[in-house]
Amino acid sequence: MFDGGVIPSTIDVNTAAYLAGGVDIGSLAGGKPIFSRNLTPDPSTGLPLTSEQFVETMRFGADFRRPGGTLRVAPHFPTEFHMTLDDLQAVYAYLQAIPAVVKPINIVP
C-alpha cells in the first residue's frame, strides 16, 4: 500500500529529482552504504554509458568503471533479465529523453 500521494494509494514523484539518484538503498556486508546513481542524461553527474555499454551492463553486469569488473552483487543486481535488445535500447532511449539533473552522488564511507 502506497501513501503520501494526491491520489489515494499512490505516491507523488518529485519531478525535479526524478531518477537523479542519491537514495540510500541499503548496505553491503561490512556496512558500506549503497546509493542509487543519477540515471539522468546530465553529462557531468548522470549516466555515463553509451547505448552499447548500457545494454552490456544490463545483460551481463559489466562495470565500465573497473575494466573486467562486475556489478553482479546478489541480491542487488538482477541475474535474470527477460528483456530483448529492443527493450533495453528503448529503456536507454527513455533515460536519454528525461530532463537532465545535475546531482553528484557523494558516498561517505
PDB file of N, CA and C in Angstrom:
ATOM      1  N   MET A   1       0.844  -1.179   0.000  1.00  0.00           N
ATOM      2  CA  MET A   1       0.000   0.000   0.000  1.00  0.00           C
ATOM      3  C   MET A   1       0.889   1.242   0.000  1.00  0.00           C
ATOM      4  N   PHE A   2       0.671   2.110  -0.947  1.00  0.00           N
ATOM      5  CA  PHE A   2       1.411   3.357  -1.008  1.00  0.00           C
ATOM      6  C   PHE A   2       0.644   4.421  -0.242  1.00  0.00           C
ATOM      7  N   ASP A   3       1.309   5.478   0.111  1.00  0.00           N
ATOM      8  CA  ASP A   3       0.614   6.614   0.708  1.00  0.00           C
ATOM      9  C   ASP A   3       1.414   7.876   0.420  1.00  0.00           C
ATOM     10  N   GLY A   4       0.820   8.985   0.680  1.00  0.00           N
ATOM     11  CA  GLY A   4       1.514  10.253   0.500  1.00  0.00           C
ATOM     12  C   GLY A   4       1.246  10.933  -0.826  1.00  0.00           C
ATOM     13  N   GLY A   5       0.468  10.309  -1.706  1.00  0.00           N
ATOM     14  CA  GLY A   5       0.179  10.921  -2.991  1.00  0.00           C
ATOM     15  C   GLY A   5      -1.110  11.711  -2.953  1.00  0.00           C
ATOM     16  N   VAL A   6      -1.301  12.538  -3.946  1.00  0.00           N
ATOM     17  CA  VAL A   6      -2.534  13.300  -4.068  1.00  0.00           C
ATOM     18  C   VAL A   6      -3.708  12.347  -4.286  1.00  0.00           C
ATOM     19  N   ILE A   7      -3.486  11.316  -5.107  1.00  0.00           N
ATOM     20  CA  ILE A   7      -4.497  10.291  -5.335  1.00  0.00           C
ATOM     21  C   ILE A   7      -4.294   9.210  -4.273  1.00  0.00           C
ATOM     22  N   PRO A   8      -5.371   8.757  -3.607  1.00  0.00           N
ATOM     23  CA  PRO A   8      -5.214   7.728  -2.571  1.00  0.00           C
ATOM     24  C   PRO A   8      -4.476   6.486  -3.088  1.00  0.00           C
ATOM     25  N   SER A   9      -3.684   5.891  -2.228  1.00  0.00           N
ATOM     26  CA  SER A   9      -2.896   4.681  -2.500  1.00  0.00           C
ATOM     27  C   SER A   9      -1.827   4.899  -3.562  1.00  0.00           C
ATOM     28  N   THR A  10      -1.297   6.111  -3.652  1.00  0.00           N
ATOM     29  CA  THR A  10      -0.215   6.413  -4.582  1.00  0.00           C
ATOM     30  C   THR A  10       0.864   7.208  -3.848  1.00  0.00           C
ATOM     31  N   ILE A  11       1.939   7.459  -4.523  1.00  0.00           N
ATOM     32  CA  ILE A  11       2.961   8.376  -4.016  1.00  0.00           C
ATOM     33  C   ILE A  11       3.222   9.413  -5.100  1.00  0.00           C
ATOM     34  N   ASP A  12       3.571  10.593  -4.705  1.00  0.00           N
ATOM     35  CA  ASP A  12       3.905  11.636  -5.662  1.00  0.00           C
ATOM     36  C   ASP A  12       5.386  11.538  -6.017  1.00  0.00           C
ATOM     37  N   VAL A  13       5.701  11.776  -7.264  1.00  0.00           N
ATOM     38  CA  VAL A  13       7.079  11.742  -7.734  1.00  0.00           C
ATOM     39  C   VAL A  13       7.623  13.164  -7.750  1.00  0.00           C
ATOM     40  N   ASN A  14       8.802  13.341  -7.158  1.00  0.00           N
ATOM     41  CA  ASN A  14       9.477  14.627  -7.199  1.00  0.00           C
ATOM     42  C   ASN A  14      10.093  14.766  -8.590  1.00  0.00           C
ATOM     43  N   THR A  15       9.396  15.434  -9.484  1.00  0.00           N
ATOM     44  CA  THR A  15       9.859  15.521 -10.866  1.00  0.00           C
ATOM     45  C   THR A  15      11.170  16.285 -11.008  1.00  0.00           C
ATOM     46  N   ALA A  16      11.492  17.139 -10.048  1.00  0.00           N
ATOM     47  CA  ALA A  16      12.759  17.875 -10.117  1.00  0.00           C
ATOM     48  C   ALA A  16      13.949  16.953  -9.873  1.00  0.00           C
ATOM     49  N   ALA A  17      13.711  15.828  -9.216  1.00  0.00           N
ATOM     50  CA  ALA A  17      14.795  14.901  -8.908  1.00  0.00           C
ATOM     51  C   ALA A  17      14.533  13.508  -9.472  1.00  0.00           C
ATOM     52  N   TYR A  18      13.626  13.397 -10.444  1.00  0.00           N
ATOM     53  CA  TYR A  18      13.243  12.102 -10.994  1.00  0.00           C
ATOM     54  C   TYR A  18      14.443  11.354 -11.564  1.00  0.00           C
ATOM     55  N   LEU A  19      14.722  10.192 -11.028  1.00  0.00           N
ATOM     56  CA  LEU A  19      15.827   9.316 -11.422  1.00  0.00           C
ATOM     57  C   LEU A  19      17.202   9.955 -11.238  1.00  0.00           C
ATOM     58  N   ALA A  20      17.301  10.958 -10.359  1.00  0.00           N
ATOM     59  CA  ALA A  20      18.581  11.633 -10.136  1.00  0.00           C
ATOM     60  C   ALA A  20      19.434  10.963  -9.072  1.00  0.00           C
ATOM     61  N   GLY A  21      18.947   9.890  -8.451  1.00  0.00           N
ATOM     62  CA  GLY A  21      19.766   9.113  -7.526  1.00  0.00           C
ATOM     63  C   GLY A  21      19.944   9.749  -6.166  1.00  0.00           C
ATOM     64  N   GLY A  22      20.902   9.183  -5.429  1.00  0.00           N
ATOM     65  CA  GLY A  22      21.214   9.669  -4.097  1.00  0.00           C
ATOM     66  C   GLY A  22      20.391   9.039  -2.993  1.00  0.00           C
ATOM     67  N   VAL A  23      19.561   8.055  -3.341  1.00  0.00           N
ATOM     68  CA  VAL A  23      18.731   7.392  -2.342  1.00  0.00           C
ATOM     69  C   VAL A  23      19.519   6.244  -1.723  1.00  0.00           C
ATOM     70  N   ASP A  24      19.580   6.194  -0.403  1.00  0.00           N
ATOM     71  CA  ASP A  24      20.259   5.112   0.303  1.00  0.00           C
ATOM     72  C   ASP A  24      19.417   3.850   0.132  1.00  0.00           C
ATOM     73  N   ILE A  25      19.947   2.846  -0.562  1.00  0.00           N
ATOM     74  CA  ILE A  25      19.175   1.629  -0.822  1.00  0.00           C
ATOM     75  C   ILE A  25      19.685   0.433  -0.039  1.00  0.00           C
ATOM     76  N   GLY A  26      20.453   0.686   1.005  1.00  0.00           N
ATOM     77  CA  GLY A  26      20.917  -0.411   1.851  1.00  0.00           C
ATOM     78  C   GLY A  26      22.416  -0.378   2.006  1.00  0.00           C
ATOM     79  N   SER A  27      22.970  -1.530   2.370  1.00  0.00           N
ATOM     80  CA  SER A  27      24.411  -1.601   2.544  1.00  0.00           C
ATOM     81  C   SER A  27      24.908  -2.999   2.210  1.00  0.00           C
ATOM     82  N   LEU A  28      26.179  -3.053   1.860  1.00  0.00           N
ATOM     83  CA  LEU A  28      26.847  -4.317   1.605  1.00  0.00           C
ATOM     84  C   LEU A  28      27.320  -4.893   2.922  1.00  0.00           C
ATOM     85  N   ALA A  29      27.782  -6.126   2.890  1.00  0.00           N
ATOM     86  CA  ALA A  29      28.390  -6.718   4.074  1.00  0.00           C
ATOM     87  C   ALA A  29      29.541  -5.817   4.504  1.00  0.00           C
ATOM     88  N   GLY A  30      29.635  -5.546   5.753  1.00  0.00           N
ATOM     89  CA  GLY A  30      30.649  -4.635   6.241  1.00  0.00           C
ATOM     90  C   GLY A  30      30.117  -3.232   6.449  1.00  0.00           C
ATOM     91  N   GLY A  31      28.870  -3.014   6.082  1.00  0.00           N
ATOM     92  CA  GLY A  31      28.224  -1.742   6.363  1.00  0.00           C
ATOM     93  C   GLY A  31      28.452  -0.637   5.359  1.00  0.00           C
ATOM     94  N   LYS A  32      29.136  -0.903   4.232  1.00  0.00           N
ATOM     95  CA  LYS A  32      29.347   0.150   3.235  1.00  0.00           C
ATOM     96  C   LYS A  32      28.018   0.467   2.562  1.00  0.00           C
ATOM     97  N   PRO A  33      27.594   1.740   2.593  1.00  0.00           N
ATOM     98  CA  PRO A  33      26.280   2.089   2.040  1.00  0.00           C
ATOM     99  C   PRO A  33      26.249   2.000   0.518  1.00  0.00           C
ATOM    100  N   ILE A  34      25.062   1.721   0.002  1.00  0.00           N
ATOM    101  CA  ILE A  34      24.831   1.688  -1.439  1.00  0.00           C
ATOM    102  C   ILE A  34      23.821   2.781  -1.749  1.00  0.00           C
ATOM    103  N   PHE A  35      24.166   3.670  -2.677  1.00  0.00           N
ATOM    104  CA  PHE A  35      23.284   4.750  -3.078  1.00  0.00           C
ATOM    105  C   PHE A  35      22.893   4.571  -4.536  1.00  0.00           C
ATOM    106  N   SER A  36      21.635   4.876  -4.852  1.00  0.00           N
ATOM    107  CA  SER A  36      21.221   4.827  -6.252  1.00  0.00           C
ATOM    108  C   SER A  36      21.952   5.931  -7.008  1.00  0.00           C
ATOM    109  N   ARG A  37      22.297   5.649  -8.248  1.00  0.00           N
ATOM    110  CA  ARG A  37      23.059   6.635  -9.021  1.00  0.00           C
ATOM    111  C   ARG A  37      22.137   7.497  -9.867  1.00  0.00           C
ATOM    112  N   ASN A  38      22.682   8.575 -10.336  1.00  0.00           N
ATOM    113  CA  ASN A  38      21.955   9.501 -11.199  1.00  0.00           C
ATOM    114  C   ASN A  38      21.827   8.866 -12.585  1.00  0.00           C
ATOM    115  N   LEU A  39      20.597   8.564 -13.004  1.00  0.00           N
ATOM    116  CA  LEU A  39      20.359   7.943 -14.308  1.00  0.00           C
ATOM    117  C   LEU A  39      19.947   8.950 -15.377  1.00  0.00           C
ATOM    118  N   THR A  40      19.926  10.227 -15.025  1.00  0.00           N
ATOM    119  CA  THR A  40      19.539  11.248 -15.999  1.00  0.00           C
ATOM    120  C   THR A  40      20.689  11.463 -16.994  1.00  0.00           C
ATOM    121  N   PRO A  41      20.419  12.118 -18.117  1.00  0.00           N
ATOM    122  CA  PRO A  41      21.473  12.296 -19.119  1.00  0.00           C
ATOM    123  C   PRO A  41      22.431  13.458 -18.854  1.00  0.00           C
ATOM    124  N   ASP A  42      22.520  13.937 -17.609  1.00  0.00           N
ATOM    125  CA  ASP A  42      23.467  15.011 -17.320  1.00  0.00           C
ATOM    126  C   ASP A  42      24.890  14.534 -17.630  1.00  0.00           C
ATOM    127  N   PRO A  43      25.647  15.265 -18.459  1.00  0.00           N
ATOM    128  CA  PRO A  43      26.971  14.794 -18.872  1.00  0.00           C
ATOM    129  C   PRO A  43      27.997  14.745 -17.744  1.00  0.00           C
ATOM    130  N   SER A  44      27.822  15.528 -16.691  1.00  0.00           N
ATOM    131  CA  SER A  44      28.834  15.537 -15.637  1.00  0.00           C
ATOM    132  C   SER A  44      28.516  14.589 -14.478  1.00  0.00           C
ATOM    133  N   THR A  45      27.248  14.359 -14.164  1.00  0.00           N
ATOM    134  CA  THR A  45      26.918  13.532 -12.998  1.00  0.00           C
ATOM    135  C   THR A  45      25.946  12.397 -13.313  1.00  0.00           C
ATOM    136  N   GLY A  46      25.472  12.321 -14.544  1.00  0.00           N
ATOM    137  CA  GLY A  46      24.462  11.335 -14.905  1.00  0.00           C
ATOM    138  C   GLY A  46      25.026  10.051 -15.472  1.00  0.00           C
ATOM    139  N   LEU A  47      24.186   9.325 -16.158  1.00  0.00           N
ATOM    140  CA  LEU A  47      24.538   8.031 -16.733  1.00  0.00           C
ATOM    141  C   LEU A  47      25.628   8.203 -17.788  1.00  0.00           C
ATOM    142  N   PRO A  48      26.830   7.660 -17.542  1.00  0.00           N
ATOM    143  CA  PRO A  48      27.952   7.907 -18.439  1.00  0.00           C
ATOM    144  C   PRO A  48      28.090   6.883 -19.562  1.00  0.00           C
ATOM    145  N   LEU A  49      27.122   5.996 -19.735  1.00  0.00           N
ATOM    146  CA  LEU A  49      27.268   4.889 -20.665  1.00  0.00           C
ATOM    147  C   LEU A  49      26.699   5.202 -22.046  1.00  0.00           C
ATOM    148  N   THR A  50      27.325   4.622 -23.061  1.00  0.00           N
ATOM    149  CA  THR A  50      26.757   4.656 -24.399  1.00  0.00           C
ATOM    150  C   THR A  50      25.631   3.627 -24.441  1.00  0.00           C
ATOM    151  N   SER A  51      24.877   3.619 -25.505  1.00  0.00           N
ATOM    152  CA  SER A  51      23.797   2.642 -25.659  1.00  0.00           C
ATOM    153  C   SER A  51      24.352   1.218 -25.585  1.00  0.00           C
ATOM    154  N   GLU A  52      25.453   0.971 -26.250  1.00  0.00           N
ATOM    155  CA  GLU A  52      26.059  -0.368 -26.254  1.00  0.00           C
ATOM    156  C   GLU A  52      26.523  -0.766 -24.858  1.00  0.00           C
ATOM    157  N   GLN A  53      27.157   0.160 -24.139  1.00  0.00           N
ATOM    158  CA  GLN A  53      27.605  -0.133 -22.772  1.00  0.00           C
ATOM    159  C   GLN A  53      26.425  -0.383 -21.844  1.00  0.00           C
ATOM    160  N   PHE A  54      25.352   0.393 -22.011  1.00  0.00           N
ATOM    161  CA  PHE A  54      24.158   0.201 -21.194  1.00  0.00           C
ATOM    162  C   PHE A  54      23.596  -1.209 -21.399  1.00  0.00           C
ATOM    163  N   VAL A  55      23.498  -1.625 -22.647  1.00  0.00           N
ATOM    164  CA  VAL A  55      22.976  -2.964 -22.945  1.00  0.00           C
ATOM    165  C   VAL A  55      23.875  -4.031 -22.321  1.00  0.00           C
ATOM    166  N   GLU A  56      25.203  -3.888 -22.451  1.00  0.00           N
ATOM    167  CA  GLU A  56      26.121  -4.858 -21.858  1.00  0.00           C
ATOM    168  C   GLU A  56      26.012  -4.879 -20.338  1.00  0.00           C
ATOM    169  N   THR A  57      25.828  -3.713 -19.746  1.00  0.00           N
ATOM    170  CA  THR A  57      25.677  -3.648 -18.297  1.00  0.00           C
ATOM    171  C   THR A  57      24.413  -4.374 -17.852  1.00  0.00           C
ATOM    172  N   MET A  58      23.320  -4.121 -18.538  1.00  0.00           N
ATOM    173  CA  MET A  58      22.054  -4.727 -18.149  1.00  0.00           C
ATOM    174  C   MET A  58      22.006  -6.217 -18.463  1.00  0.00           C
ATOM    175  N   ARG A  59      22.690  -6.646 -19.494  1.00  0.00           N
ATOM    176  CA  ARG A  59      22.689  -8.076 -19.845  1.00  0.00           C
ATOM    177  C   ARG A  59      23.685  -8.888 -19.034  1.00  0.00           C
ATOM    178  N   PHE A  60      24.877  -8.333 -18.830  1.00  0.00           N
ATOM    179  CA  PHE A  60      25.963  -9.128 -18.262  1.00  0.00           C
ATOM    180  C   PHE A  60      26.531  -8.579 -16.963  1.00  0.00           C
ATOM    181  N   GLY A  61      26.082  -7.409 -16.525  1.00  0.00           N
ATOM    182  CA  GLY A  61      26.616  -6.827 -15.295  1.00  0.00           C
ATOM    183  C   GLY A  61      27.981  -6.198 -15.472  1.00  0.00           C
ATOM    184  N   ALA A  62      28.348  -5.836 -16.702  1.00  0.00           N
ATOM    185  CA  ALA A  62      29.660  -5.236 -16.963  1.00  0.00           C
ATOM    186  C   ALA A  62      29.794  -3.913 -16.212  1.00  0.00           C
ATOM    187  N   ASP A  63      30.925  -3.724 -15.557  1.00  0.00           N
ATOM    188  CA  ASP A  63      31.197  -2.480 -14.819  1.00  0.00           C
ATOM    189  C   ASP A  63      32.287  -1.723 -15.564  1.00  0.00           C
ATOM    190  N   PHE A  64      31.890  -0.659 -16.274  1.00  0.00           N
ATOM    191  CA  PHE A  64      32.831   0.075 -17.110  1.00  0.00           C
ATOM    192  C   PHE A  64      33.734   1.012 -16.311  1.00  0.00           C
ATOM    193  N   ARG A  65      33.492   1.150 -15.010  1.00  0.00           N
ATOM    194  CA  ARG A  65      34.393   1.938 -14.168  1.00  0.00           C
ATOM    195  C   ARG A  65      35.615   1.109 -13.789  1.00  0.00           C
ATOM    196  N   ARG A  66      35.455  -0.209 -13.807  1.00  0.00           N
ATOM    197  CA  ARG A  66      36.543  -1.133 -13.458  1.00  0.00           C
ATOM    198  C   ARG A  66      36.639  -2.171 -14.579  1.00  0.00           C
ATOM    199  N   PRO A  67      37.556  -2.020 -15.526  1.00  0.00           N
ATOM    200  CA  PRO A  67      37.649  -2.984 -16.622  1.00  0.00           C
ATOM    201  C   PRO A  67      37.742  -4.410 -16.098  1.00  0.00           C
ATOM    202  N   GLY A  68      36.870  -5.255 -16.627  1.00  0.00           N
ATOM    203  CA  GLY A  68      36.823  -6.639 -16.173  1.00  0.00           C
ATOM    204  C   GLY A  68      35.993  -6.827 -14.918  1.00  0.00           C
ATOM    205  N   GLY A  69      35.500  -5.717 -14.335  1.00  0.00           N
ATOM    206  CA  GLY A  69      34.719  -5.799 -13.104  1.00  0.00           C
ATOM    207  C   GLY A  69      33.273  -6.158 -13.385  1.00  0.00           C
ATOM    208  N   THR A  70      32.563  -6.480 -12.332  1.00  0.00           N
ATOM    209  CA  THR A  70      31.166  -6.842 -12.472  1.00  0.00           C
ATOM    210  C   THR A  70      30.324  -6.097 -11.452  1.00  0.00           C
ATOM    211  N   LEU A  71      29.069  -5.886 -11.808  1.00  0.00           N
ATOM    212  CA  LEU A  71      28.107  -5.263 -10.905  1.00  0.00           C
ATOM    213  C   LEU A  71      27.210  -6.308 -10.253  1.00  0.00           C
ATOM    214  N   ARG A  72      27.435  -7.558 -10.540  1.00  0.00           N
ATOM    215  CA  ARG A  72      26.567  -8.624 -10.036  1.00  0.00           C
ATOM    216  C   ARG A  72      26.868  -8.898  -8.570  1.00  0.00           C
ATOM    217  N   VAL A  73      26.270  -8.113  -7.717  1.00  0.00           N
ATOM    218  CA  VAL A  73      26.371  -8.304  -6.273  1.00  0.00           C
ATOM    219  C   VAL A  73      24.993  -8.721  -5.805  1.00  0.00           C
ATOM    220  N   ALA A  74      24.802 -10.014  -5.647  1.00  0.00           N
ATOM    221  CA  ALA A  74      23.479 -10.503  -5.217  1.00  0.00           C
ATOM    222  C   ALA A  74      23.181  -9.956  -3.832  1.00  0.00           C
ATOM    223  N   PRO A  75      21.984  -9.549  -3.532  1.00  0.00           N
ATOM    224  CA  PRO A  75      20.799  -9.581  -4.362  1.00  0.00           C
ATOM    225  C   PRO A  75      20.544  -8.252  -5.074  1.00  0.00           C
ATOM    226  N   HIS A  76      21.541  -7.392  -5.182  1.00  0.00           N
ATOM    227  CA  HIS A  76      21.311  -6.045  -5.699  1.00  0.00           C
ATOM    228  C   HIS A  76      21.271  -5.953  -7.219  1.00  0.00           C
ATOM    229  N   PHE A  77      21.852  -6.925  -7.907  1.00  0.00           N
ATOM    230  CA  PHE A  77      21.827  -6.891  -9.365  1.00  0.00           C
ATOM    231  C   PHE A  77      21.016  -8.073  -9.857  1.00  0.00           C
ATOM    232  N   PRO A  78      19.946  -7.809 -10.603  1.00  0.00           N
ATOM    233  CA  PRO A  78      19.128  -8.927 -11.097  1.00  0.00           C
ATOM    234  C   PRO A  78      19.954  -9.843 -11.997  1.00  0.00           C
ATOM    235  N   THR A  79      19.847 -11.123 -11.795  1.00  0.00           N
ATOM    236  CA  THR A  79      20.643 -12.056 -12.581  1.00  0.00           C
ATOM    237  C   THR A  79      19.894 -12.611 -13.777  1.00  0.00           C
ATOM    238  N   GLU A  80      18.602 -12.417 -13.833  1.00  0.00           N
ATOM    239  CA  GLU A  80      17.830 -12.926 -14.966  1.00  0.00           C
ATOM    240  C   GLU A  80      16.954 -11.823 -15.537  1.00  0.00           C
ATOM    241  N   PHE A  81      17.381 -11.271 -16.651  1.00  0.00           N
ATOM    242  CA  PHE A  81      16.556 -10.307 -17.362  1.00  0.00           C
ATOM    243  C   PHE A  81      15.905 -11.019 -18.525  1.00  0.00           C
ATOM    244  N   HIS A  82      14.669 -10.768 -18.744  1.00  0.00           N
ATOM    245  CA  HIS A  82      13.969 -11.341 -19.884  1.00  0.00           C
ATOM    246  C   HIS A  82      13.603 -10.209 -20.840  1.00  0.00           C
ATOM    247  N   MET A  83      14.555  -9.316 -21.052  1.00  0.00           N
ATOM    248  CA  MET A  83      14.336  -8.181 -21.938  1.00  0.00           C
ATOM    249  C   MET A  83      15.094  -8.425 -23.237  1.00  0.00           C
ATOM    250  N   THR A  84      14.463  -8.060 -24.325  1.00  0.00           N
ATOM    251  CA  THR A  84      15.106  -8.187 -25.625  1.00  0.00           C
ATOM    252  C   THR A  84      16.058  -7.010 -25.836  1.00  0.00           C
ATOM    253  N   LEU A  85      16.841  -7.093 -26.891  1.00  0.00           N
ATOM    254  CA  LEU A  85      17.721  -5.986 -27.252  1.00  0.00           C
ATOM    255  C   LEU A  85      16.893  -4.730 -27.500  1.00  0.00           C
ATOM    256  N   ASP A  86      15.766  -4.875 -28.190  1.00  0.00           N
ATOM    257  CA  ASP A  86      14.890  -3.731 -28.436  1.00  0.00           C
ATOM    258  C   ASP A  86      14.378  -3.126 -27.129  1.00  0.00           C
ATOM    259  N   ASP A  87      14.030  -3.985 -26.157  1.00  0.00           N
ATOM    260  CA  ASP A  87      13.572  -3.498 -24.845  1.00  0.00           C
ATOM    261  C   ASP A  87      14.650  -2.652 -24.181  1.00  0.00           C
ATOM    262  N   LEU A  88      15.878  -3.171 -24.141  1.00  0.00           N
ATOM    263  CA  LEU A  88      16.972  -2.464 -23.477  1.00  0.00           C
ATOM    264  C   LEU A  88      17.311  -1.159 -24.191  1.00  0.00           C
ATOM    265  N   GLN A  89      17.271  -1.170 -25.504  1.00  0.00           N
ATOM    266  CA  GLN A  89      17.528   0.063 -26.252  1.00  0.00           C
ATOM    267  C   GLN A  89      16.426   1.087 -26.006  1.00  0.00           C
ATOM    268  N   ALA A  90      15.196   0.626 -25.817  1.00  0.00           N
ATOM    269  CA  ALA A  90      14.084   1.542 -25.519  1.00  0.00           C
ATOM    270  C   ALA A  90      14.251   2.147 -24.128  1.00  0.00           C
ATOM    271  N   VAL A  91      14.696   1.353 -23.156  1.00  0.00           N
ATOM    272  CA  VAL A  91      14.945   1.882 -21.809  1.00  0.00           C
ATOM    273  C   VAL A  91      16.033   2.944 -21.876  1.00  0.00           C
ATOM    274  N   TYR A  92      17.112   2.659 -22.601  1.00  0.00           N
ATOM    275  CA  TYR A  92      18.200   3.630 -22.739  1.00  0.00           C
ATOM    276  C   TYR A  92      17.701   4.916 -23.404  1.00  0.00           C
ATOM    277  N   ALA A  93      16.919   4.773 -24.461  1.00  0.00           N
ATOM    278  CA  ALA A  93      16.371   5.950 -25.146  1.00  0.00           C
ATOM    279  C   ALA A  93      15.503   6.771 -24.199  1.00  0.00           C
ATOM    280  N   TYR A  94      14.720   6.099 -23.361  1.00  0.00           N
ATOM    281  CA  TYR A  94      13.892   6.812 -22.383  1.00  0.00           C
ATOM    282  C   TYR A  94      14.779   7.576 -21.401  1.00  0.00           C
ATOM    283  N   LEU A  95      15.811   6.925 -20.883  1.00  0.00           N
ATOM    284  CA  LEU A  95      16.696   7.592 -19.920  1.00  0.00           C
ATOM    285  C   LEU A  95      17.398   8.795 -20.544  1.00  0.00           C
ATOM    286  N   GLN A  96      17.673   8.734 -21.837  1.00  0.00           N
ATOM    287  CA  GLN A  96      18.297   9.864 -22.520  1.00  0.00           C
ATOM    288  C   GLN A  96      17.314  10.993 -22.793  1.00  0.00           C
ATOM    289  N   ALA A  97      16.005  10.675 -22.751  1.00  0.00           N
ATOM    290  CA  ALA A  97      14.976  11.676 -23.075  1.00  0.00           C
ATOM    291  C   ALA A  97      14.440  12.425 -21.864  1.00  0.00           C
ATOM    292  N   ILE A  98      14.687  11.908 -20.647  1.00  0.00           N
ATOM    293  CA  ILE A  98      14.180  12.612 -19.463  1.00  0.00           C
ATOM    294  C   ILE A  98      15.059  13.832 -19.190  1.00  0.00           C
ATOM    295  N   PRO A  99      14.539  14.819 -18.449  1.00  0.00           N
ATOM    296  CA  PRO A  99      15.346  16.006 -18.163  1.00  0.00           C
ATOM    297  C   PRO A  99      16.609  15.669 -17.362  1.00  0.00           C
ATOM    298  N   ALA A 100      17.712  16.264 -17.764  1.00  0.00           N
ATOM    299  CA  ALA A 100      18.977  16.068 -17.056  1.00  0.00           C
ATOM    300  C   ALA A 100      18.932  16.784 -15.714  1.00  0.00           C
ATOM    301  N   VAL A 101      19.489  16.149 -14.703  1.00  0.00           N
ATOM    302  CA  VAL A 101      19.582  16.733 -13.368  1.00  0.00           C
ATOM    303  C   VAL A 101      21.041  16.654 -12.933  1.00  0.00           C
ATOM    304  N   VAL A 102      21.616  17.794 -12.549  1.00  0.00           N
ATOM    305  CA  VAL A 102      22.977  17.809 -12.027  1.00  0.00           C
ATOM    306  C   VAL A 102      22.891  17.398 -10.563  1.00  0.00           C
ATOM    307  N   LYS A 103      23.388  16.206 -10.263  1.00  0.00           N
ATOM    308  CA  LYS A 103      23.337  15.725  -8.882  1.00  0.00           C
ATOM    309  C   LYS A 103      24.469  14.731  -8.643  1.00  0.00           C
ATOM    310  N   PRO A 104      25.605  15.198  -8.166  1.00  0.00           N
ATOM    311  CA  PRO A 104      26.664  14.275  -7.829  1.00  0.00           C
ATOM    312  C   PRO A 104      26.241  13.426  -6.630  1.00  0.00           C
ATOM    313  N   ILE A 105      26.598  12.166  -6.659  1.00  0.00           N
ATOM    314  CA  ILE A 105      26.264  11.259  -5.572  1.00  0.00           C
ATOM    315  C   ILE A 105      27.529  11.080  -4.724  1.00  0.00           C
ATOM    316  N   ASN A 106      27.515  11.625  -3.537  1.00  0.00           N
ATOM    317  CA  ASN A 106      28.661  11.519  -2.636  1.00  0.00           C
ATOM    318  C   ASN A 106      28.406  10.385  -1.646  1.00  0.00           C
ATOM    319  N   ILE A 107      29.243   9.375  -1.722  1.00  0.00           N
ATOM    320  CA  ILE A 107      29.117   8.242  -0.810  1.00  0.00           C
ATOM    321  C   ILE A 107      30.133   8.429   0.296  1.00  0.00           C
ATOM    322  N   VAL A 108      29.646   8.520   1.502  1.00  0.00           N
ATOM    323  CA  VAL A 108      30.522   8.684   2.655  1.00  0.00           C
ATOM    324  C   VAL A 108      30.724   7.322   3.298  1.00  0.00           C
ATOM    325  N   PRO A 109      31.977   6.829   3.356  1.00  0.00           N
ATOM    326  CA  PRO A 109      32.204   5.501   3.938  1.00  0.00           C
ATOM    327  C   PRO A 109      31.904   5.455   5.416  1.00  0.00           C
TER     328      PRO A 109
END
